[in-house]
């Protein structure tokens, strides 16, 4: 039986390409901002493109921050992509202006420090050996990035042995930044799996199989 996935349509994101990519790997996909549908789906995909502050404003207007919180409180899977990953952190800083994020993870989304910005094109990542998100993928596989901001420091420290530490994947463009996170029911990627060809399809398949 196919898994039902809602692509959350709050006005920011490549929702059609995400829909096609998820359908390609066998998901039953709905694009909507409906509160009840987003809560009830097997999986919720939160896309995002553009500015952190604008995405957060759109997300709040659609009650997306409440939906994310409610789903995670019940252990229901969410996947964020690009700015849809960035807004899961505590704050974003753009042009000296700080905007509060969803605060699911501590940390700050900041401008990339690199000779060429935006970081646009194909790049490799450094994934943990036991990553479920990257299962079945070669370590030298390439993924498609388009962004000018990122998280340069992972700040969540887990000191309780009863709590499983998040799996953090890194990439490098000028400096290292967080490329993906697996944290219980909350997964996210800075790159675009829906634009990453067969590798992206495998990664989405890995997510769908956890739903």
Foldseek 3Di string as FASTA:
>chain_A
DAFEEEEEPLPFFPSVLVQVLLVVLPHNYDYYLDLVCLLPGQEYEYEHDDDLQVSQVSCVVSVVLVSVVVCVVVLRAYEYEASRVVLCEQWEADPNDIDGGSHVFYFYKYFDDAPDPPPFAKFFKAWDPPDLLQPPHDRRAIFTAHDGIFTQDGDDDDDDPVADDKTWMWTDHRHIGTAWIDHRRYIYGNTDLSPRPPSSSVSSSSNSVVD
